[in-house]
Amino acid sequence: MIGITGATGHLGHLTIQALLDGGTPASEIVAIVRSPEKAADLAAKGVQVRHGDYAQPSTLSAALEGLDKLLLISSNDAADRLTPHLHVVEAARQAGVKLLTYTSILRADSSPLVLATDHKATEEAIRAAGLPFVFLRNGWYLENYNLPQAVQVGAIAGSAGEGRVSAASRADYAAAAAAVLTQPGQENKIYELGGDESFTLGELAAEVSAQSGKAVVYQNLPQEAYAGMLKGFGLPAPLAEMLADSDVWLEKGELYTSRRDLSTLIGRPTTSMQAGVQAALKG
């Protein structure tokens, strides 16, 4: 039995679909969700849906019962990812999960990004729990950029300068998760995952311009100004500050990788920036 936390989120949903497409029977997949009513489409495919909330440890014992493998998709709580993760790790230990796969961040053990702090601590907690693990150290997602909005305002803003980012699509990262959950011999492996090709945000803006037919430029801002702009758009302060911090470190190469762990795992090239732009603009 394979459990997927956060199964109604983008990455969780895509991972379940990748498992199904790869031949894993729906009866062997458990979707662990905070709101079971939102997983009706998964239940209709024969996937077992269980209630499990990161923030409510009492729900996790039943959710993880009988699982052989578990994919812990990291929390999206920018203020505190670690506490919910620790709840799941402890529940997995008590449930006797044989393989805990965790979606971390690129070079989590050495990354200076604020975002990496909770990921590093989660990895350490998984090791301390004595659980066989796989760390999927995901790089940036192509979907992190709101490109339709960029077309509307004529700009992509950031603090990344001429830094290069090795971004890939959510579907690429989901395919990698499905691969490690179904392939033997994955215990205690660490994968540094990123797109085969890197790009600058200026190059991204130029591609959006070319595909949309509208002028889109890259606007480079100081970190505080970029964070302030994001807060002005309604983003919570911790998230806005984390994104601005990530851009500053992007400029310094911390979201770039030359490794091909991702394309090797999924058995094909990763989604190109050009294809990502096309998908985003089609909606």
Protein backbone atom coordinates (compact mmCIF):
# COMPACT_ATOMS: atom_id res chain seq x y z
CA MET A 1 0.00 0.00 0.00
CA ILE A 2 1.25 3.46 -0.99
CA GLY A 3 0.04 6.56 0.86
CA ILE A 4 0.16 10.09 -0.51
CA THR A 5 -0.28 13.01 1.88
CA GLY A 6 -1.76 16.26 0.62
CA ALA A 7 -3.40 14.22 -2.11
CA THR A 8 -5.84 16.91 -3.22
CA GLY A 9 -3.03 19.41 -3.76
CA HIS A 10 -1.43 19.91 -7.17
CA LEU A 11 1.62 17.70 -6.59
CA GLY A 12 -0.26 14.99 -4.69
CA HIS A 13 -2.95 14.73 -7.33
CA LEU A 14 -0.39 14.52 -10.12
CA THR A 15 1.59 11.86 -8.24
CA ILE A 16 -1.49 9.68 -7.83
CA GLN A 17 -2.26 10.04 -11.53
CA ALA A 18 1.35 9.11 -12.38
CA LEU A 19 1.05 6.00 -10.21
CA LEU A 20 -2.18 5.02 -11.95
CA ASP A 21 -0.72 5.70 -15.39
CA GLY A 22 2.28 3.56 -14.46
CA GLY A 23 0.09 0.57 -13.64
CA THR A 24 -0.25 0.78 -9.85
CA PRO A 25 -3.74 -0.53 -9.00
CA ALA A 26 -6.01 2.12 -7.52
CA SER A 27 -6.78 -0.27 -4.67
CA GLU A 28 -3.13 -0.04 -3.58
CA ILE A 29 -3.11 3.78 -3.36
CA VAL A 30 -4.25 5.69 -0.29
CA ALA A 31 -5.02 9.39 -0.63
CA ILE A 32 -4.49 11.10 2.72
CA VAL A 33 -6.37 14.37 2.77
CA ARG A 34 -7.51 17.07 5.16
CA SER A 35 -10.94 17.31 3.49
CA PRO A 36 -12.15 13.94 2.13
CA GLU A 37 -15.09 15.58 0.37
CA LYS A 38 -12.60 17.28 -1.95
CA ALA A 39 -11.21 13.91 -3.07
CA ALA A 40 -14.37 12.58 -4.70
CA ASP A 41 -12.65 12.32 -8.07
CA LEU A 42 -9.93 10.11 -6.57
CA ALA A 43 -12.47 7.91 -4.81
CA ALA A 44 -14.31 7.52 -8.11
CA LYS A 45 -11.11 6.04 -9.59
CA GLY A 46 -10.98 3.44 -6.83
CA VAL A 47 -8.33 5.18 -4.73
CA GLN A 48 -8.86 4.76 -0.99
CA VAL A 49 -9.42 8.15 0.63
CA ARG A 50 -8.53 8.64 4.30
CA HIS A 51 -8.79 11.68 6.54
CA GLY A 52 -5.38 12.80 7.76
CA ASP A 53 -4.50 16.33 8.81
CA TYR A 54 -0.87 17.33 9.42
CA ALA A 55 -2.02 19.72 12.12
CA GLN A 56 -4.16 17.13 13.93
CA PRO A 57 -1.90 14.26 15.03
CA SER A 58 -4.88 12.27 16.30
CA THR A 59 -6.06 11.78 12.71
CA LEU A 60 -2.78 10.32 11.46
CA SER A 61 -2.68 6.88 13.10
CA ALA A 62 -5.72 5.61 11.22
CA ALA A 63 -4.66 7.40 8.04
CA LEU A 64 -1.29 5.61 7.95
CA GLU A 65 -2.44 2.19 9.12
CA GLY A 66 -1.18 -0.65 6.92
CA LEU A 67 0.92 1.54 4.62
CA ASP A 68 4.17 0.13 3.25
CA LYS A 69 5.31 3.37 1.61
CA LEU A 70 4.41 6.97 2.30
CA LEU A 71 4.99 10.14 0.31
CA LEU A 72 5.13 13.11 2.68
CA ILE A 73 4.49 16.18 0.56
CA SER A 74 5.82 19.18 2.43
CA SER A 75 3.37 21.56 4.06
CA ASN A 76 2.62 24.87 2.35
CA ASP A 77 2.51 26.73 5.68
CA ALA A 78 5.28 29.29 5.22
CA ALA A 79 5.12 30.24 8.90
CA ASP A 80 5.78 26.72 10.25
CA ARG A 81 6.30 23.70 8.05
CA LEU A 82 8.28 21.74 10.61
CA THR A 83 5.68 21.02 13.30
CA PRO A 84 3.19 19.38 10.91
CA HIS A 85 6.01 17.37 9.35
CA LEU A 86 7.11 16.06 12.74
CA HIS A 87 3.56 14.87 13.39
CA VAL A 88 3.62 12.80 10.20
CA VAL A 89 7.13 11.44 10.81
CA GLU A 90 6.17 10.21 14.28
CA ALA A 91 2.94 8.67 12.99
CA ALA A 92 4.89 6.93 10.22
CA ARG A 93 7.34 5.55 12.77
CA GLN A 94 4.55 4.23 14.94
CA ALA A 95 2.76 2.74 11.92
CA GLY A 96 5.87 0.86 10.81
CA VAL A 97 6.04 2.49 7.38
CA LYS A 98 8.82 0.78 5.44
CA LEU A 99 9.77 3.73 3.20
CA LEU A 100 9.14 7.42 3.84
CA THR A 101 9.64 9.60 0.78
CA TYR A 102 9.81 13.32 1.48
CA THR A 103 9.62 16.29 -0.90
CA SER A 104 12.47 18.49 0.27
CA ILE A 105 14.37 21.29 -1.48
CA LEU A 106 17.50 21.40 -3.60
CA ARG A 107 20.63 20.82 -1.45
CA ALA A 108 18.55 21.08 1.73
CA ASP A 109 21.48 20.17 3.99
CA SER A 110 23.58 23.14 2.83
CA SER A 111 21.14 25.61 1.25
CA PRO A 112 21.12 29.15 2.70
CA LEU A 113 17.50 29.77 1.65
CA VAL A 114 15.09 30.55 4.48
CA LEU A 115 12.82 28.02 2.79
CA ALA A 116 15.41 25.30 3.38
CA THR A 117 15.44 25.60 7.18
CA ASP A 118 12.34 23.49 7.82
CA HIS A 119 13.27 21.04 5.07
CA LYS A 120 16.68 20.41 6.60
CA ALA A 121 15.12 19.90 10.03
CA THR A 122 12.54 17.51 8.59
CA GLU A 123 15.23 15.44 6.90
CA GLU A 124 17.09 15.25 10.21
CA ALA A 125 13.91 14.15 12.02
CA ILE A 126 13.29 11.39 9.48
CA ARG A 127 16.84 10.12 9.92
CA ALA A 128 16.49 10.28 13.71
CA ALA A 129 13.26 8.27 13.55
CA GLY A 130 15.20 5.41 11.96
CA LEU A 131 12.88 5.21 8.97
CA PRO A 132 14.16 4.09 5.58
CA PHE A 133 13.78 7.20 3.45
CA VAL A 134 14.06 8.86 0.08
CA PHE A 135 14.67 12.60 -0.05
CA LEU A 136 13.33 14.18 -3.21
CA ARG A 137 15.08 17.52 -3.11
CA ASN A 138 12.86 19.37 -5.52
CA GLY A 139 14.09 22.52 -7.22
CA TRP A 140 11.85 25.35 -8.40
CA TYR A 141 8.54 24.71 -10.16
CA LEU A 142 7.74 26.30 -13.52
CA GLU A 143 4.26 26.90 -12.12
CA ASN A 144 5.68 29.22 -9.44
CA TYR A 145 5.48 32.04 -11.98
CA ASN A 146 2.07 33.64 -12.61
CA LEU A 147 2.54 34.17 -16.32
CA PRO A 148 -1.01 35.19 -17.29
CA GLN A 149 -0.70 37.99 -14.74
CA ALA A 150 2.69 38.91 -16.20
CA VAL A 151 1.05 39.35 -19.60
CA GLN A 152 -1.63 41.57 -18.06
CA VAL A 153 0.82 43.90 -16.31
CA GLY A 154 3.62 43.62 -18.86
CA ALA A 155 6.27 42.50 -16.39
CA ILE A 156 7.72 39.68 -14.33
CA ALA A 157 9.08 41.10 -11.09
CA GLY A 158 11.71 39.57 -8.84
CA SER A 159 15.06 39.95 -7.12
CA ALA A 160 16.94 37.30 -9.10
CA GLY A 161 19.09 39.49 -11.33
CA GLU A 162 20.79 37.35 -13.97
CA GLY A 163 20.70 34.20 -11.85
CA ARG A 164 19.73 30.95 -13.51
CA VAL A 165 17.03 28.65 -12.19
CA SER A 166 16.75 24.94 -13.01
CA ALA A 167 12.96 24.80 -12.93
CA ALA A 168 10.78 21.88 -13.97
CA SER A 169 7.06 21.23 -14.02
CA ARG A 170 4.99 19.81 -11.19
CA ALA A 171 4.24 16.86 -13.46
CA ASP A 172 7.98 16.15 -13.73
CA TYR A 173 8.41 16.12 -9.95
CA ALA A 174 5.26 14.00 -9.56
CA ALA A 175 6.61 11.47 -12.06
CA ALA A 176 9.83 11.27 -10.04
CA ALA A 177 7.88 10.63 -6.85
CA ALA A 178 5.88 7.88 -8.53
CA ALA A 179 9.10 6.32 -9.80
CA VAL A 180 10.75 6.05 -6.39
CA LEU A 181 7.52 4.76 -4.84
CA THR A 182 7.32 1.89 -7.31
CA GLN A 183 10.93 1.02 -8.11
CA PRO A 184 12.82 -1.35 -5.78
CA GLY A 185 16.07 -0.46 -4.06
CA GLN A 186 15.30 3.17 -3.24
CA GLU A 187 16.00 3.03 0.50
CA ASN A 188 18.08 5.92 1.86
CA LYS A 189 18.64 7.60 -1.49
CA ILE A 190 18.83 11.34 -1.98
CA TYR A 191 17.97 12.97 -5.30
CA GLU A 192 18.83 16.55 -6.25
CA LEU A 193 16.08 17.42 -8.70
CA GLY A 194 15.88 20.20 -11.28
CA GLY A 195 15.17 20.86 -14.91
CA ASP A 196 17.60 19.82 -17.61
CA GLU A 197 17.83 23.42 -18.83
CA SER A 198 18.17 26.58 -16.75
CA PHE A 199 17.03 30.10 -17.54
CA THR A 200 17.08 33.64 -16.18
CA LEU A 201 13.91 35.54 -15.39
CA GLY A 202 14.82 37.88 -18.21
CA GLU A 203 14.82 34.93 -20.60
CA LEU A 204 11.49 33.83 -19.15
CA ALA A 205 10.00 37.28 -19.76
CA ALA A 206 11.28 37.25 -23.35
CA GLU A 207 9.66 33.86 -23.97
CA VAL A 208 6.36 35.07 -22.51
CA SER A 209 6.56 38.08 -24.84
CA ALA A 210 7.23 35.88 -27.86
CA GLN A 211 4.38 33.49 -27.13
CA SER A 212 1.80 36.04 -26.02
CA GLY A 213 2.56 38.70 -28.60
CA LYS A 214 2.60 41.31 -25.83
CA ALA A 215 5.60 43.13 -24.40
CA VAL A 216 6.68 41.57 -21.09
CA VAL A 217 9.89 42.67 -19.36
CA TYR A 218 11.75 41.48 -16.31
CA GLN A 219 11.74 44.05 -13.50
CA ASN A 220 14.54 43.46 -11.01
CA LEU A 221 13.82 44.86 -7.54
CA PRO A 222 15.69 45.05 -4.23
CA GLN A 223 14.66 42.27 -1.87
CA GLU A 224 12.62 44.47 0.46
CA ALA A 225 10.81 46.15 -2.43
CA TYR A 226 9.92 42.81 -4.00
CA ALA A 227 8.65 41.43 -0.68
CA GLY A 228 6.61 44.59 -0.19
CA MET A 229 5.10 44.26 -3.64
CA LEU A 230 4.08 40.66 -2.94
CA LYS A 231 2.48 41.70 0.35
CA GLY A 232 0.62 44.38 -1.59
CA PHE A 233 -0.81 41.65 -3.79
CA GLY A 234 -2.22 40.01 -0.67
CA LEU A 235 0.41 37.36 0.06
CA PRO A 236 0.96 36.64 3.77
CA ALA A 237 4.12 38.30 5.06
CA PRO A 238 6.03 35.04 5.77
CA LEU A 239 5.36 33.78 2.23
CA ALA A 240 6.24 37.10 0.60
CA GLU A 241 9.49 37.33 2.52
CA MET A 242 10.37 33.71 1.77
CA LEU A 243 9.84 34.23 -1.97
CA ALA A 244 11.96 37.38 -2.00
CA ASP A 245 14.70 35.59 -0.05
CA SER A 246 14.58 32.70 -2.52
CA ASP A 247 15.04 35.08 -5.44
CA VAL A 248 18.09 36.67 -3.84
CA TRP A 249 19.68 33.24 -3.47
CA LEU A 250 18.54 32.26 -6.96
CA GLU A 251 20.77 35.05 -8.26
CA LYS A 252 23.67 33.44 -6.41
CA GLY A 253 23.10 30.01 -7.98
CA GLU A 254 21.28 28.26 -5.15
CA LEU A 255 18.35 27.14 -7.36
CA TYR A 256 20.57 25.91 -10.18
CA THR A 257 21.76 22.34 -10.61
CA SER A 258 23.68 20.65 -13.39
CA ARG A 259 22.65 17.21 -12.16
CA ARG A 260 20.22 15.15 -14.20
CA ASP A 261 18.65 13.19 -11.36
CA LEU A 262 15.16 14.26 -12.40
CA SER A 263 15.30 13.30 -16.07
CA THR A 264 17.07 10.07 -15.13
CA LEU A 265 14.30 9.13 -12.68
CA ILE A 266 11.46 9.90 -15.06
CA GLY A 267 13.16 8.43 -18.13
CA ARG A 268 12.65 11.47 -20.36
CA PRO A 269 13.78 15.09 -20.67
CA THR A 270 12.22 17.47 -18.19
CA THR A 271 9.60 19.99 -19.32
CA SER A 272 11.27 22.92 -21.06
CA MET A 273 10.75 26.52 -20.07
CA GLN A 274 9.15 27.11 -23.47
CA ALA A 275 6.64 24.28 -22.93
CA GLY A 276 5.94 25.57 -19.42
CA VAL A 277 5.15 29.01 -20.79
CA GLN A 278 2.86 27.55 -23.43
CA ALA A 279 0.95 25.51 -20.83
CA ALA A 280 0.63 28.49 -18.48
CA LEU A 281 -0.67 30.85 -21.18
CA LYS A 282 -3.22 28.28 -22.38
CA GLY A 283 -4.54 28.09 -18.81
